[in-house]
Protein backbone atom coordinates (compact mmCIF):
# COMPACT_ATOMS: atom_id res chain seq x y z
CA UNK A 1 100.08 94.18 109.09
CA UNK A 2 101.19 94.73 112.66
CA UNK A 3 99.00 95.39 115.67
CA UNK A 4 99.81 97.38 118.82
CA UNK A 5 97.67 97.23 121.97
CA UNK A 6 96.39 100.76 122.82
CA UNK A 7 97.16 100.31 126.52
CA UNK A 8 100.80 99.78 125.54
CA UNK A 9 100.76 102.39 122.78
CA UNK A 10 101.68 105.31 125.01
CA UNK A 11 104.99 103.56 125.66
CA UNK A 12 105.37 102.25 122.14
CA UNK A 13 103.69 104.96 120.08
CA UNK A 14 106.97 106.38 118.82
CA UNK A 15 108.03 102.89 117.65
CA UNK A 16 104.59 102.28 116.10
CA UNK A 17 104.87 105.55 114.17
CA UNK A 18 108.31 104.56 112.89
CA UNK A 19 106.92 101.16 111.83
CA UNK A 20 103.92 102.92 110.31
CA UNK A 21 106.20 104.66 107.84
CA UNK A 22 106.89 101.24 106.26
CA UNK A 23 103.75 99.17 106.85
CA UNK A 24 100.27 99.50 108.31
CA UNK A 25 100.19 99.23 112.11
CA UNK A 26 96.79 98.47 113.70
CA UNK A 27 96.13 99.84 117.19
CA UNK A 28 93.91 97.63 119.34
CA UNK A 29 91.99 97.97 122.57
CA UNK A 30 91.30 94.71 124.41
CA UNK A 31 92.33 92.83 121.26
CA UNK A 32 89.89 94.65 118.96
CA UNK A 33 91.13 97.01 116.21
CA UNK A 34 90.33 100.68 116.86
CA UNK A 35 92.70 102.61 114.56
CA UNK A 36 95.54 102.24 112.11
CA UNK A 37 98.79 104.02 111.39
CA UNK A 38 99.09 103.89 107.61
CA UNK A 39 102.20 104.66 105.54
CA UNK A 40 101.69 107.85 103.53
CA UNK A 41 104.65 107.40 101.16
CA UNK A 42 103.31 108.03 97.67
CA UNK A 43 99.76 108.67 98.93
CA UNK A 44 98.16 112.09 99.16
CA UNK A 45 95.61 112.96 101.82
CA UNK A 46 92.75 113.12 99.28
CA UNK A 47 93.41 109.55 98.07
CA UNK A 48 93.49 108.30 101.65
CA UNK A 49 90.25 110.13 102.47
CA UNK A 50 88.46 108.74 99.40
CA UNK A 51 89.77 105.23 100.02
CA UNK A 52 88.33 105.22 103.50
CA UNK A 53 85.08 107.08 102.74
CA UNK A 54 82.02 104.83 103.16
CA UNK A 55 79.98 107.16 100.97
CA UNK A 56 82.52 107.18 98.14
CA UNK A 57 83.01 103.40 98.32
CA UNK A 58 79.20 102.98 98.21
CA UNK A 59 79.06 105.11 95.05
CA UNK A 60 81.80 102.96 93.49
CA UNK A 61 79.98 99.71 94.38
CA UNK A 62 76.76 101.07 92.87
CA UNK A 63 78.59 102.11 89.71
CA UNK A 64 80.18 98.67 89.33
CA UNK A 65 76.77 97.02 89.79
CA UNK A 66 75.32 99.26 87.07
CA UNK A 67 78.23 98.39 84.77
CA UNK A 68 77.69 94.67 85.43
CA UNK A 69 73.97 95.05 84.69
CA UNK A 70 74.79 97.01 81.53
CA UNK A 71 72.85 99.99 82.85
CA UNK A 72 75.80 102.36 82.45
CA UNK A 73 76.13 104.90 79.66
CA UNK A 74 79.15 105.35 77.43
CA UNK A 75 81.59 108.20 77.85
CA UNK A 76 80.40 109.66 74.56
CA UNK A 77 76.78 109.59 75.76
CA UNK A 78 77.76 111.22 79.06
CA UNK A 79 79.54 113.99 77.22
CA UNK A 80 76.54 114.50 74.96
CA UNK A 81 74.25 114.81 78.00
CA UNK A 82 76.32 117.35 79.87
CA UNK A 83 76.84 119.75 76.94
């Protein structure tokens, strides 16, 4: 992953965008990450949005905890309940 200082980004933004087509480029301000340019090749906007959604990731973590605790229901049971 590459980083680009925001204060320098106005001069190097075009280069960062070109690099961002191949690998993630992190933009920083005073050495701290503030944003990222992420390659979109093979990724749709919905997948990117879900992958960065705190709410969605929280739902996934809760679901995995339930699976680990054997509190989850089977697919067959879920289908039975929603009919």
